PDB file of N, CA and C in Angstrom:
ATOM      1  N   ASP A   1      90.884 105.684 107.687  1.00  0.00           N
ATOM      2  CA  ASP A   1      90.476 105.026 106.459  1.00  0.00           C
ATOM      3  C   ASP A   1      90.033 103.589 106.701  1.00  0.00           C
ATOM      4  N   LEU A   2      90.809 102.874 107.487  1.00  0.00           N
ATOM      5  CA  LEU A   2      90.527 101.447 107.669  1.00  0.00           C
ATOM      6  C   LEU A   2      89.236 101.216 108.432  1.00  0.00           C
ATOM      7  N   LEU A   3      88.913 102.103 109.340  1.00  0.00           N
ATOM      8  CA  LEU A   3      87.685 101.920 110.118  1.00  0.00           C
ATOM      9  C   LEU A   3      86.440 102.248 109.309  1.00  0.00           C
ATOM     10  N   ASP A   4      86.500 103.274 108.482  1.00  0.00           N
ATOM     11  CA  ASP A   4      85.302 103.740 107.790  1.00  0.00           C
ATOM     12  C   ASP A   4      85.186 103.260 106.347  1.00  0.00           C
ATOM     13  N   GLY A   5      86.275 103.231 105.628  1.00  0.00           N
ATOM     14  CA  GLY A   5      86.193 102.952 104.201  1.00  0.00           C
ATOM     15  C   GLY A   5      86.753 101.603 103.834  1.00  0.00           C
ATOM     16  N   ASN A   6      86.200 100.541 104.386  1.00  0.00           N
ATOM     17  CA  ASN A   6      86.750  99.227 104.069  1.00  0.00           C
ATOM     18  C   ASN A   6      85.650  98.234 103.744  1.00  0.00           C
ATOM     19  N   SER A   7      86.074  97.148 103.144  1.00  0.00           N
ATOM     20  CA  SER A   7      85.195  96.015 102.885  1.00  0.00           C
ATOM     21  C   SER A   7      85.895  94.787 103.452  1.00  0.00           C
ATOM     22  N   PHE A   8      85.387  94.289 104.572  1.00  0.00           N
ATOM     23  CA  PHE A   8      86.018  93.195 105.301  1.00  0.00           C
ATOM     24  C   PHE A   8      84.909  92.274 105.760  1.00  0.00           C
ATOM     25  N   ALA A   9      84.869  91.063 105.215  1.00  0.00           N
ATOM     26  CA  ALA A   9      83.801  90.124 105.565  1.00  0.00           C
ATOM     27  C   ALA A   9      84.394  88.737 105.771  1.00  0.00           C
ATOM     28  N   LEU A  10      83.952  88.089 106.825  1.00  0.00           N
ATOM     29  CA  LEU A  10      84.365  86.711 107.057  1.00  0.00           C
ATOM     30  C   LEU A  10      83.579  85.800 106.133  1.00  0.00           C
ATOM     31  N   GLU A  11      84.276  84.875 105.531  1.00  0.00           N
ATOM     32  CA  GLU A  11      83.642  83.913 104.627  1.00  0.00           C
ATOM     33  C   GLU A  11      82.549  83.155 105.371  1.00  0.00           C
ATOM     34  N   GLY A  12      81.359  83.136 104.792  1.00  0.00           N
ATOM     35  CA  GLY A  12      80.251  82.370 105.350  1.00  0.00           C
ATOM     36  C   GLY A  12      79.521  83.028 106.500  1.00  0.00           C
ATOM     37  N   ARG A  13      79.833  84.284 106.781  1.00  0.00           N
ATOM     38  CA  ARG A  13      79.167  84.989 107.889  1.00  0.00           C
ATOM     39  C   ARG A  13      78.562  86.283 107.366  1.00  0.00           C
ATOM     40  N   GLN A  14      77.457  86.666 107.958  1.00  0.00           N
ATOM     41  CA  GLN A  14      76.777  87.894 107.558  1.00  0.00           C
ATOM     42  C   GLN A  14      76.800  88.958 108.652  1.00  0.00           C
ATOM     43  N   ASP A  15      77.485  88.660 109.764  1.00  0.00           N
ATOM     44  CA  ASP A  15      77.487  89.617 110.867  1.00  0.00           C
ATOM     45  C   ASP A  15      78.598  90.651 110.694  1.00  0.00           C
ATOM     46  N   GLY A  16      78.886  91.342 111.713  1.00  0.00           N
ATOM     47  CA  GLY A  16      79.879  92.405 111.712  1.00  0.00           C
ATOM     48  C   GLY A  16      79.260  93.604 112.384  1.00  0.00           C
ATOM     49  N   PRO A  17      79.954  94.646 112.581  1.00  0.00           N
ATOM     50  CA  PRO A  17      81.370  94.841 112.256  1.00  0.00           C
ATOM     51  C   PRO A  17      82.283  94.018 113.165  1.00  0.00           C
ATOM     52  N   TYR A  18      83.541  93.996 112.758  1.00  0.00           N
ATOM     53  CA  TYR A  18      84.531  93.196 113.462  1.00  0.00           C
ATOM     54  C   TYR A  18      85.657  94.072 113.991  1.00  0.00           C
ATOM     55  N   LYS A  19      86.346  93.546 114.985  1.00  0.00           N
ATOM     56  CA  LYS A  19      87.626  94.090 115.418  1.00  0.00           C
ATOM     57  C   LYS A  19      88.684  93.140 114.882  1.00  0.00           C
ATOM     58  N   LEU A  20      89.751  93.692 114.359  1.00  0.00           N
ATOM     59  CA  LEU A  20      90.841  92.877 113.839  1.00  0.00           C
ATOM     60  C   LEU A  20      92.114  93.209 114.601  1.00  0.00           C
ATOM     61  N   VAL A  21      92.729  92.170 115.143  1.00  0.00           N
ATOM     62  CA  VAL A  21      94.028  92.321 115.794  1.00  0.00           C
ATOM     63  C   VAL A  21      95.038  91.593 114.913  1.00  0.00           C
ATOM     64  N   LEU A  22      95.957  92.357 114.323  1.00  0.00           N
ATOM     65  CA  LEU A  22      96.998  91.789 113.473  1.00  0.00           C
ATOM     66  C   LEU A  22      98.231  91.517 114.315  1.00  0.00           C
ATOM     67  N   GLY A  23      98.904  90.433 113.997  1.00  0.00           N
ATOM     68  CA  GLY A  23     100.133  90.135 114.716  1.00  0.00           C
ATOM     69  C   GLY A  23     101.060  89.255 113.901  1.00  0.00           C
ATOM     70  N   MET A  24     102.252  89.065 114.425  1.00  0.00           N
ATOM     71  CA  MET A  24     103.246  88.189 113.815  1.00  0.00           C
ATOM     72  C   MET A  24     103.689  87.197 114.884  1.00  0.00           C
ATOM     73  N   VAL A  25     103.619  85.912 114.563  1.00  0.00           N
ATOM     74  CA  VAL A  25     104.088  84.863 115.462  1.00  0.00           C
ATOM     75  C   VAL A  25     104.855  83.843 114.627  1.00  0.00           C
ATOM     76  N   ASP A  26     106.112  83.611 114.994  1.00  0.00           N
ATOM     77  CA  ASP A  26     106.929  82.609 114.298  1.00  0.00           C
ATOM     78  C   ASP A  26     106.890  82.775 112.789  1.00  0.00           C
ATOM     79  N   ASP A  27     107.117  83.989 112.311  1.00  0.00           N
ATOM     80  CA  ASP A  27     107.161  84.287 110.875  1.00  0.00           C
ATOM     81  C   ASP A  27     105.836  83.980 110.174  1.00  0.00           C
ATOM     82  N   ARG A  28     104.752  84.144 110.901  1.00  0.00           N
ATOM     83  CA  ARG A  28     103.411  83.965 110.347  1.00  0.00           C
ATOM     84  C   ARG A  28     102.567  85.178 110.705  1.00  0.00           C
ATOM     85  N   LEU A  29     101.671  85.514 109.785  1.00  0.00           N
ATOM     86  CA  LEU A  29     100.714  86.589 110.032  1.00  0.00           C
ATOM     87  C   LEU A  29      99.523  86.024 110.778  1.00  0.00           C
ATOM     88  N   VAL A  30      99.093  86.704 111.805  1.00  0.00           N
ATOM     89  CA  VAL A  30      97.949  86.266 112.598  1.00  0.00           C
ATOM     90  C   VAL A  30      96.847  87.313 112.467  1.00  0.00           C
ATOM     91  N   PHE A  31      95.697  86.864 111.981  1.00  0.00           N
ATOM     92  CA  PHE A  31      94.501  87.702 111.873  1.00  0.00           C
ATOM     93  C   PHE A  31      93.526  87.220 112.941  1.00  0.00           C
ATOM     94  N   ASN A  32      93.470  87.935 114.037  1.00  0.00           N
ATOM     95  CA  ASN A  32      92.585  87.594 115.149  1.00  0.00           C
ATOM     96  C   ASN A  32      91.325  88.446 114.997  1.00  0.00           C
ATOM     97  N   VAL A  33      90.239  87.824 114.572  1.00  0.00           N
ATOM     98  CA  VAL A  33      88.992  88.544 114.316  1.00  0.00           C
ATOM     99  C   VAL A  33      88.071  88.385 115.523  1.00  0.00           C
ATOM    100  N   GLN A  34      87.576  89.519 116.000  1.00  0.00           N
ATOM    101  CA  GLN A  34      86.703  89.550 117.172  1.00  0.00           C
ATOM    102  C   GLN A  34      85.413  90.288 116.832  1.00  0.00           C
ATOM    103  N   ASP A  35      84.390  90.090 117.658  1.00  0.00           N
ATOM    104  CA  ASP A  35      83.168  90.873 117.473  1.00  0.00           C
ATOM    105  C   ASP A  35      83.369  92.256 118.101  1.00  0.00           C
ATOM    106  N   GLU A  36      82.340  93.090 118.021  1.00  0.00           N
ATOM    107  CA  GLU A  36      82.436  94.465 118.522  1.00  0.00           C
ATOM    108  C   GLU A  36      82.820  94.543 119.997  1.00  0.00           C
ATOM    109  N   ASN A  37      82.473  93.518 120.760  1.00  0.00           N
ATOM    110  CA  ASN A  37      82.759  93.499 122.194  1.00  0.00           C
ATOM    111  C   ASN A  37      84.103  92.861 122.532  1.00  0.00           C
ATOM    112  N   GLY A  38      84.858  92.475 121.510  1.00  0.00           N
ATOM    113  CA  GLY A  38      86.160  91.859 121.735  1.00  0.00           C
ATOM    114  C   GLY A  38      86.123  90.361 121.954  1.00  0.00           C
ATOM    115  N   GLU A  39      84.948  89.761 121.739  1.00  0.00           N
ATOM    116  CA  GLU A  39      84.839  88.303 121.870  1.00  0.00           C
ATOM    117  C   GLU A  39      85.434  87.641 120.622  1.00  0.00           C
ATOM    118  N   PRO A  40      86.266  86.615 120.802  1.00  0.00           N
ATOM    119  CA  PRO A  40      86.893  85.966 119.651  1.00  0.00           C
ATOM    120  C   PRO A  40      85.870  85.311 118.729  1.00  0.00           C
ATOM    121  N   ILE A  41      86.109  85.465 117.436  1.00  0.00           N
ATOM    122  CA  ILE A  41      85.289  84.788 116.425  1.00  0.00           C
ATOM    123  C   ILE A  41      86.132  83.731 115.721  1.00  0.00           C
ATOM    124  N   VAL A  42      87.274  84.159 115.195  1.00  0.00           N
ATOM    125  CA  VAL A  42      88.141  83.233 114.473  1.00  0.00           C
ATOM    126  C   VAL A  42      89.555  83.812 114.440  1.00  0.00           C
ATOM    127  N   VAL A  43      90.535  82.919 114.363  1.00  0.00           N
ATOM    128  CA  VAL A  43      91.924  83.318 114.173  1.00  0.00           C
ATOM    129  C   VAL A  43      92.423  82.624 112.911  1.00  0.00           C
ATOM    130  N   HIS A  44      92.924  83.417 111.976  1.00  0.00           N
ATOM    131  CA  HIS A  44      93.524  82.864 110.763  1.00  0.00           C
ATOM    132  C   HIS A  44      95.024  83.130 110.825  1.00  0.00           C
ATOM    133  N   VAL A  45      95.805  82.093 110.582  1.00  0.00           N
ATOM    134  CA  VAL A  45      97.258  82.204 110.587  1.00  0.00           C
ATOM    135  C   VAL A  45      97.744  81.901 109.177  1.00  0.00           C
ATOM    136  N   LEU A  46      98.494  82.843 108.610  1.00  0.00           N
ATOM    137  CA  LEU A  46      98.977  82.702 107.241  1.00  0.00           C
ATOM    138  C   LEU A  46     100.496  82.718 107.213  1.00  0.00           C
ATOM    139  N   SER A  47     101.067  81.929 106.336  1.00  0.00           N
ATOM    140  CA  SER A  47     102.507  81.972 106.128  1.00  0.00           C
ATOM    141  C   SER A  47     102.896  83.351 105.612  1.00  0.00           C
ATOM    142  N   PHE A  48     103.989  83.859 106.133  1.00  0.00           N
ATOM    143  CA  PHE A  48     104.483  85.162 105.712  1.00  0.00           C
ATOM    144  C   PHE A  48     105.309  85.058 104.433  1.00  0.00           C
ATOM    145  N   THR A  49     105.759  83.864 104.096  1.00  0.00           N
ATOM    146  CA  THR A  49     106.674  83.642 102.978  1.00  0.00           C
ATOM    147  C   THR A  49     106.206  84.252 101.656  1.00  0.00           C
ATOM    148  N   PRO A  50     104.940  84.104 101.240  1.00  0.00           N
ATOM    149  CA  PRO A  50     104.540  84.670  99.952  1.00  0.00           C
ATOM    150  C   PRO A  50     104.674  86.198  99.868  1.00  0.00           C
ATOM    151  N   LEU A  51     104.707  86.879 100.995  1.00  0.00           N
ATOM    152  CA  LEU A  51     104.820  88.340 100.995  1.00  0.00           C
ATOM    153  C   LEU A  51     106.257  88.836 101.163  1.00  0.00           C
ATOM    154  N   LYS A  52     107.170  87.964 101.544  1.00  0.00           N
ATOM    155  CA  LYS A  52     108.525  88.397 101.903  1.00  0.00           C
ATOM    156  C   LYS A  52     109.241  89.149 100.789  1.00  0.00           C
ATOM    157  N   LYS A  53     109.247  88.595  99.595  1.00  0.00           N
ATOM    158  CA  LYS A  53     110.003  89.215  98.509  1.00  0.00           C
ATOM    159  C   LYS A  53     109.431  90.572  98.140  1.00  0.00           C
ATOM    160  N   VAL A  54     108.119  90.649  97.977  1.00  0.00           N
ATOM    161  CA  VAL A  54     107.530  91.926  97.589  1.00  0.00           C
ATOM    162  C   VAL A  54     107.726  92.965  98.694  1.00  0.00           C
ATOM    163  N   MET A  55     107.674  92.550  99.950  1.00  0.00           N
ATOM    164  CA  MET A  55     107.899  93.502 101.041  1.00  0.00           C
ATOM    165  C   MET A  55     109.351  93.968 101.068  1.00  0.00           C
ATOM    166  N   LYS A  56     110.276  93.065 100.838  1.00  0.00           N
ATOM    167  CA  LYS A  56     111.690  93.448 100.790  1.00  0.00           C
ATOM    168  C   LYS A  56     111.907  94.481  99.691  1.00  0.00           C
ATOM    169  N   ASP A  57     111.375  94.196  98.505  1.00  0.00           N
ATOM    170  CA  ASP A  57     111.489  95.135  97.392  1.00  0.00           C
ATOM    171  C   ASP A  57     110.792  96.456  97.709  1.00  0.00           C
ATOM    172  N   TYR A  58     109.627  96.375  98.343  1.00  0.00           N
ATOM    173  CA  TYR A  58     108.865  97.569  98.701  1.00  0.00           C
ATOM    174  C   TYR A  58     109.663  98.447  99.667  1.00  0.00           C
ATOM    175  N   PHE A  59     110.288  97.851 100.671  1.00  0.00           N
ATOM    176  CA  PHE A  59     111.084  98.624 101.631  1.00  0.00           C
ATOM    177  C   PHE A  59     112.274  99.297 100.942  1.00  0.00           C
ATOM    178  N   ILE A  60     112.914  98.592 100.022  1.00  0.00           N
ATOM    179  CA  ILE A  60     114.046  99.172  99.290  1.00  0.00           C
ATOM    180  C   ILE A  60     113.579 100.369  98.472  1.00  0.00           C
ATOM    181  N   VAL A  61     112.467 100.215  97.764  1.00  0.00           N
ATOM    182  CA  VAL A  61     111.956 101.312  96.939  1.00  0.00           C
ATOM    183  C   VAL A  61     111.495 102.476  97.819  1.00  0.00           C
ATOM    184  N   CYS A  62     110.921 102.184  98.980  1.00  0.00           N
ATOM    185  CA  CYS A  62     110.525 103.260  99.903  1.00  0.00           C
ATOM    186  C   CYS A  62     111.745 104.057 100.351  1.00  0.00           C
ATOM    187  N   GLU A  63     112.835 103.372 100.678  1.00  0.00           N
ATOM    188  CA  GLU A  63     114.059 104.071 101.069  1.00  0.00           C
ATOM    189  C   GLU A  63     114.584 104.925  99.922  1.00  0.00           C
ATOM    190  N   THR A  64     114.523 104.390  98.711  1.00  0.00           N
ATOM    191  CA  THR A  64     114.946 105.143  97.534  1.00  0.00           C
ATOM    192  C   THR A  64     114.063 106.368  97.340  1.00  0.00           C
ATOM    193  N   TYR A  65     112.767 106.186  97.534  1.00  0.00           N
ATOM    194  CA  TYR A  65     111.811 107.294  97.393  1.00  0.00           C
ATOM    195  C   TYR A  65     112.110 108.402  98.405  1.00  0.00           C
ATOM    196  N   TYR A  66     112.310 108.035  99.672  1.00  0.00           N
ATOM    197  CA  TYR A  66     112.581 109.043 100.701  1.00  0.00           C
ATOM    198  C   TYR A  66     113.899 109.762 100.445  1.00  0.00           C
ATOM    199  N   ALA A  67     114.884 109.062  99.905  1.00  0.00           N
ATOM    200  CA  ALA A  67     116.141 109.711  99.532  1.00  0.00           C
ATOM    201  C   ALA A  67     115.929 110.632  98.332  1.00  0.00           C
ATOM    202  N   ALA A  68     115.111 110.196  97.380  1.00  0.00           N
ATOM    203  CA  ALA A  68     114.879 110.977  96.161  1.00  0.00           C
ATOM    204  C   ALA A  68     114.153 112.288  96.443  1.00  0.00           C
ATOM    205  N   ILE A  69     113.205 112.278  97.369  1.00  0.00           N
ATOM    206  CA  ILE A  69     112.434 113.510  97.596  1.00  0.00           C
ATOM    207  C   ILE A  69     113.288 114.626  98.203  1.00  0.00           C
ATOM    208  N   LYS A  70     114.470 114.292  98.690  1.00  0.00           N
ATOM    209  CA  LYS A  70     115.356 115.311  99.253  1.00  0.00           C
ATOM    210  C   LYS A  70     116.103 116.088  98.179  1.00  0.00           C
ATOM    211  N   SER A  71     116.418 115.433  97.056  1.00  0.00           N
ATOM    212  CA  SER A  71     117.281 116.121  96.092  1.00  0.00           C
ATOM    213  C   SER A  71     117.041 115.780  94.625  1.00  0.00           C
ATOM    214  N   ALA A  72     116.267 114.767  94.336  1.00  0.00           N
ATOM    215  CA  ALA A  72     116.096 114.339  92.944  1.00  0.00           C
ATOM    216  C   ALA A  72     115.103 115.234  92.209  1.00  0.00           C
ATOM    217  N   PRO A  73     115.222 115.284  90.893  1.00  0.00           N
ATOM    218  CA  PRO A  73     114.247 116.052  90.110  1.00  0.00           C
ATOM    219  C   PRO A  73     112.864 115.390  90.175  1.00  0.00           C
ATOM    220  N   PRO A  74     111.818 116.170  89.949  1.00  0.00           N
ATOM    221  CA  PRO A  74     110.450 115.634  90.029  1.00  0.00           C
ATOM    222  C   PRO A  74     110.213 114.394  89.172  1.00  0.00           C
ATOM    223  N   SER A  75     110.836 114.327  88.007  1.00  0.00           N
ATOM    224  CA  SER A  75     110.625 113.162  87.136  1.00  0.00           C
ATOM    225  C   SER A  75     111.153 111.887  87.789  1.00  0.00           C
ATOM    226  N   ARG A  76     112.270 111.984  88.481  1.00  0.00           N
ATOM    227  CA  ARG A  76     112.845 110.820  89.180  1.00  0.00           C
ATOM    228  C   ARG A  76     111.961 110.420  90.358  1.00  0.00           C
ATOM    229  N   ILE A  77     111.491 111.403  91.105  1.00  0.00           N
ATOM    230  CA  ILE A  77     110.607 111.130  92.241  1.00  0.00           C
ATOM    231  C   ILE A  77     109.340 110.439  91.760  1.00  0.00           C
ATOM    232  N   GLN A  78     108.783 110.933  90.660  1.00  0.00           N
ATOM    233  CA  GLN A  78     107.557 110.344  90.114  1.00  0.00           C
ATOM    234  C   GLN A  78     107.791 108.899  89.672  1.00  0.00           C
ATOM    235  N   ALA A  79     108.927 108.639  89.038  1.00  0.00           N
ATOM    236  CA  ALA A  79     109.232 107.277  88.576  1.00  0.00           C
ATOM    237  C   ALA A  79     109.374 106.317  89.760  1.00  0.00           C
ATOM    238  N   VAL A  80     110.080 106.749  90.794  1.00  0.00           N
ATOM    239  CA  VAL A  80     110.257 105.898  91.974  1.00  0.00           C
ATOM    240  C   VAL A  80     108.914 105.677  92.664  1.00  0.00           C
ATOM    241  N   ASP A  81     108.103 106.735  92.737  1.00  0.00           N
ATOM    242  CA  ASP A  81     106.795 106.616  93.376  1.00  0.00           C
ATOM    243  C   ASP A  81     105.888 105.644  92.620  1.00  0.00           C
ATOM    244  N   MET A  82     105.956 105.654  91.301  1.00  0.00           N
ATOM    245  CA  MET A  82     105.159 104.702  90.515  1.00  0.00           C
ATOM    246  C   MET A  82     105.589 103.270  90.822  1.00  0.00           C
ATOM    247  N   GLY A  83     106.891 103.050  90.935  1.00  0.00           N
ATOM    248  CA  GLY A  83     107.387 101.723  91.290  1.00  0.00           C
ATOM    249  C   GLY A  83     106.942 101.307  92.679  1.00  0.00           C
ATOM    250  N   ARG A  84     106.967 102.261  93.606  1.00  0.00           N
ATOM    251  CA  ARG A  84     106.536 101.994  94.980  1.00  0.00           C
ATOM    252  C   ARG A  84     105.065 101.601  95.008  1.00  0.00           C
ATOM    253  N   ARG A  85     104.248 102.359  94.279  1.00  0.00           N
ATOM    254  CA  ARG A  85     102.810 102.042  94.236  1.00  0.00           C
ATOM    255  C   ARG A  85     102.554 100.689  93.583  1.00  0.00           C
ATOM    256  N   GLY A  86     103.322 100.380  92.553  1.00  0.00           N
ATOM    257  CA  GLY A  86     103.170  99.084  91.888  1.00  0.00           C
ATOM    258  C   GLY A  86     103.477  97.923  92.822  1.00  0.00           C
ATOM    259  N   LEU A  87     104.538  98.051  93.603  1.00  0.00           N
ATOM    260  CA  LEU A  87     104.878  97.003  94.569  1.00  0.00           C
ATOM    261  C   LEU A  87     103.830  96.912  95.673  1.00  0.00           C
ATOM    262  N   HIS A  88     103.309  98.059  96.079  1.00  0.00           N
ATOM    263  CA  HIS A  88     102.256  98.069  97.106  1.00  0.00           C
ATOM    264  C   HIS A  88     101.017  97.345  96.581  1.00  0.00           C
ATOM    265  N   ASP A  89     100.663  97.599  95.324  1.00  0.00           N
ATOM    266  CA  ASP A  89      99.521  96.907  94.714  1.00  0.00           C
ATOM    267  C   ASP A  89      99.766  95.403  94.623  1.00  0.00           C
ATOM    268  N   GLU A  90     100.996  95.026  94.258  1.00  0.00           N
ATOM    269  CA  GLU A  90     101.321  93.596  94.165  1.00  0.00           C
ATOM    270  C   GLU A  90     101.205  92.925  95.535  1.00  0.00           C
ATOM    271  N   GLY A  91     101.730  93.561  96.559  1.00  0.00           N
ATOM    272  CA  GLY A  91     101.620  93.019  97.909  1.00  0.00           C
ATOM    273  C   GLY A  91     100.173  92.897  98.350  1.00  0.00           C
ATOM    274  N   SER A  92      99.377  93.888  98.012  1.00  0.00           N
ATOM    275  CA  SER A  92      97.952  93.871  98.356  1.00  0.00           C
ATOM    276  C   SER A  92      97.228  92.734  97.654  1.00  0.00           C
ATOM    277  N   ARG A  93      97.577  92.519  96.393  1.00  0.00           N
ATOM    278  CA  ARG A  93      96.959  91.437  95.618  1.00  0.00           C
ATOM    279  C   ARG A  93      97.318  90.075  96.215  1.00  0.00           C
ATOM    280  N   ILE A  94      98.590  89.892  96.552  1.00  0.00           N
ATOM    281  CA  ILE A  94      99.028  88.630  97.162  1.00  0.00           C
ATOM    282  C   ILE A  94      98.298  88.408  98.480  1.00  0.00           C
ATOM    283  N   LEU A  95      98.193  89.455  99.290  1.00  0.00           N
ATOM    284  CA  LEU A  95      97.501  89.343 100.573  1.00  0.00           C
ATOM    285  C   LEU A  95      96.045  88.951 100.369  1.00  0.00           C
ATOM    286  N   ALA A  96      95.349  89.613  99.439  1.00  0.00           N
ATOM    287  CA  ALA A  96      93.938  89.299  99.180  1.00  0.00           C
ATOM    288  C   ALA A  96      93.784  87.851  98.721  1.00  0.00           C
ATOM    289  N   GLU A  97      94.720  87.382  97.882  1.00  0.00           N
ATOM    290  CA  GLU A  97      94.674  85.987  97.430  1.00  0.00           C
ATOM    291  C   GLU A  97      94.875  85.023  98.597  1.00  0.00           C
ATOM    292  N   ARG A  98      95.786  85.354  99.505  1.00  0.00           N
ATOM    293  CA  ARG A  98      96.059  84.491 100.661  1.00  0.00           C
ATOM    294  C   ARG A  98      94.866  84.438 101.615  1.00  0.00           C
ATOM    295  N   LEU A  99      94.102  85.527 101.668  1.00  0.00           N
ATOM    296  CA  LEU A  99      92.935  85.584 102.550  1.00  0.00           C
ATOM    297  C   LEU A  99      91.696  84.949 101.927  1.00  0.00           C
ATOM    298  N   GLN A 100      91.738  84.738 100.609  1.00  0.00           N
ATOM    299  CA  GLN A 100      90.572  84.218  99.895  1.00  0.00           C
ATOM    300  C   GLN A 100      90.080  82.921 100.541  1.00  0.00           C
ATOM    301  N   GLY A 101      88.758  82.833 100.705  1.00  0.00           N
ATOM    302  CA  GLY A 101      88.148  81.672 101.337  1.00  0.00           C
ATOM    303  C   GLY A 101      88.087  81.771 102.850  1.00  0.00           C
ATOM    304  N   LYS A 102      88.726  82.809 103.393  1.00  0.00           N
ATOM    305  CA  LYS A 102      88.723  83.031 104.841  1.00  0.00           C
ATOM    306  C   LYS A 102      88.119  84.398 105.162  1.00  0.00           C
ATOM    307  N   ILE A 103      88.743  85.419 104.568  1.00  0.00           N
ATOM    308  CA  ILE A 103      88.322  86.803 104.765  1.00  0.00           C
ATOM    309  C   ILE A 103      88.263  87.463 103.396  1.00  0.00           C
ATOM    310  N   ASN A 104      87.126  88.069 103.085  1.00  0.00           N
ATOM    311  CA  ASN A 104      86.968  88.767 101.815  1.00  0.00           C
ATOM    312  C   ASN A 104      87.233  90.255 102.018  1.00  0.00           C
ATOM    313  N   VAL A 105      88.161  90.786 101.228  1.00  0.00           N
ATOM    314  CA  VAL A 105      88.495  92.208 101.291  1.00  0.00           C
ATOM    315  C   VAL A 105      88.492  92.783  99.883  1.00  0.00           C
ATOM    316  N   ASP A 106      88.168  94.075  99.778  1.00  0.00           N
ATOM    317  CA  ASP A 106      88.282  94.736  98.489  1.00  0.00           C
ATOM    318  C   ASP A 106      89.723  95.231  98.316  1.00  0.00           C
ATOM    319  N   HIS A 107      90.004  95.806  97.147  1.00  0.00           N
ATOM    320  CA  HIS A 107      91.370  96.236  96.828  1.00  0.00           C
ATOM    321  C   HIS A 107      91.876  97.286  97.822  1.00  0.00           C
ATOM    322  N   ASP A 108      91.053  98.285  98.111  1.00  0.00           N
ATOM    323  CA  ASP A 108      91.487  99.352  99.019  1.00  0.00           C
ATOM    324  C   ASP A 108      91.765  98.822 100.423  1.00  0.00           C
ATOM    325  N   THR A 109      90.927  97.920 100.900  1.00  0.00           N
ATOM    326  CA  THR A 109      91.141  97.337 102.228  1.00  0.00           C
ATOM    327  C   THR A 109      92.409  96.486 102.234  1.00  0.00           C
ATOM    328  N   ALA A 110      92.635  95.726 101.169  1.00  0.00           N
ATOM    329  CA  ALA A 110      93.862  94.928 101.071  1.00  0.00           C
ATOM    330  C   ALA A 110      95.088  95.838 101.098  1.00  0.00           C
ATOM    331  N   ARG A 111      95.010  96.990 100.423  1.00  0.00           N
ATOM    332  CA  ARG A 111      96.123  97.948 100.448  1.00  0.00           C
ATOM    333  C   ARG A 111      96.377  98.447 101.870  1.00  0.00           C
ATOM    334  N   ARG A 112      95.318  98.783 102.568  1.00  0.00           N
ATOM    335  CA  ARG A 112      95.469  99.292 103.937  1.00  0.00           C
ATOM    336  C   ARG A 112      96.037  98.216 104.872  1.00  0.00           C
ATOM    337  N   LEU A 113      95.564  96.995 104.705  1.00  0.00           N
ATOM    338  CA  LEU A 113      96.092  95.895 105.522  1.00  0.00           C
ATOM    339  C   LEU A 113      97.565  95.637 105.203  1.00  0.00           C
ATOM    340  N   PHE A 114      97.916  95.711 103.918  1.00  0.00           N
ATOM    341  CA  PHE A 114      99.314  95.531 103.527  1.00  0.00           C
ATOM    342  C   PHE A 114     100.185  96.602 104.180  1.00  0.00           C
ATOM    343  N   THR A 115      99.692  97.829 104.229  1.00  0.00           N
ATOM    344  CA  THR A 115     100.428  98.909 104.889  1.00  0.00           C
ATOM    345  C   THR A 115     100.660  98.587 106.362  1.00  0.00           C
ATOM    346  N   LEU A 116      99.623  98.108 107.044  1.00  0.00           N
ATOM    347  CA  LEU A 116      99.765  97.752 108.462  1.00  0.00           C
ATOM    348  C   LEU A 116     100.748  96.602 108.660  1.00  0.00           C
ATOM    349  N   ILE A 117     100.689  95.618 107.776  1.00  0.00           N
ATOM    350  CA  ILE A 117     101.600  94.474 107.875  1.00  0.00           C
ATOM    351  C   ILE A 117     103.038  94.933 107.651  1.00  0.00           C
ATOM    352  N   CYS A 118     103.227  95.845 106.708  1.00  0.00           N
ATOM    353  CA  CYS A 118     104.569  96.399 106.488  1.00  0.00           C
ATOM    354  C   CYS A 118     105.059  97.118 107.742  1.00  0.00           C
ATOM    355  N   ALA A 119     104.179  97.858 108.392  1.00  0.00           N
ATOM    356  CA  ALA A 119     104.555  98.562 109.623  1.00  0.00           C
ATOM    357  C   ALA A 119     104.938  97.567 110.723  1.00  0.00           C
ATOM    358  N   LEU A 120     104.237  96.444 110.795  1.00  0.00           N
ATOM    359  CA  LEU A 120     104.574  95.410 111.780  1.00  0.00           C
ATOM    360  C   LEU A 120     105.956  94.812 111.517  1.00  0.00           C
ATOM    361  N   HIS A 121     106.302  94.727 110.245  1.00  0.00           N
ATOM    362  CA  HIS A 121     107.518  94.016 109.852  1.00  0.00           C
ATOM    363  C   HIS A 121     108.710  94.946 109.639  1.00  0.00           C
ATOM    364  N   TRP A 122     108.485  96.250 109.652  1.00  0.00           N
ATOM    365  CA  TRP A 122     109.538  97.226 109.353  1.00  0.00           C
ATOM    366  C   TRP A 122     110.686  97.090 110.341  1.00  0.00           C
ATOM    367  N   LYS A 123     111.899  97.055 109.798  1.00  0.00           N
ATOM    368  CA  LYS A 123     113.083  96.938 110.650  1.00  0.00           C
ATOM    369  C   LYS A 123     113.962  98.170 110.523  1.00  0.00           C
ATOM    370  N   GLY A 124     113.439  99.232 109.933  1.00  0.00           N
ATOM    371  CA  GLY A 124     114.229 100.440 109.681  1.00  0.00           C
ATOM    372  C   GLY A 124     114.343 101.279 110.807  1.00  0.00           C
TER     373      GLY A 124
END
């Protein structure tokens, strides 16, 4: 999904496509953007703090969801899943806002990036 169905543009640039290397350094998100050949273009470093609370809540709801699908009635699973999606959307929105002026992403791309960032930060 991320390779084919995304909208990812560097502010003030018309080139692309890009390679993106995501990382975490000293509690900061690192967006290392490279050209197709792996040559560096720009590195953006963002504070992780604005995403911490929503990610913590998201991980808790994900654990609740995985527990619910084992034994809960469909209505409970659906309710937990709606909450999970809502938190995922909130995290995606915060991420897109933090990238504004640096990297332009659409909603779906922000969601996919949020998923990757959660995977980087997962301690489960």
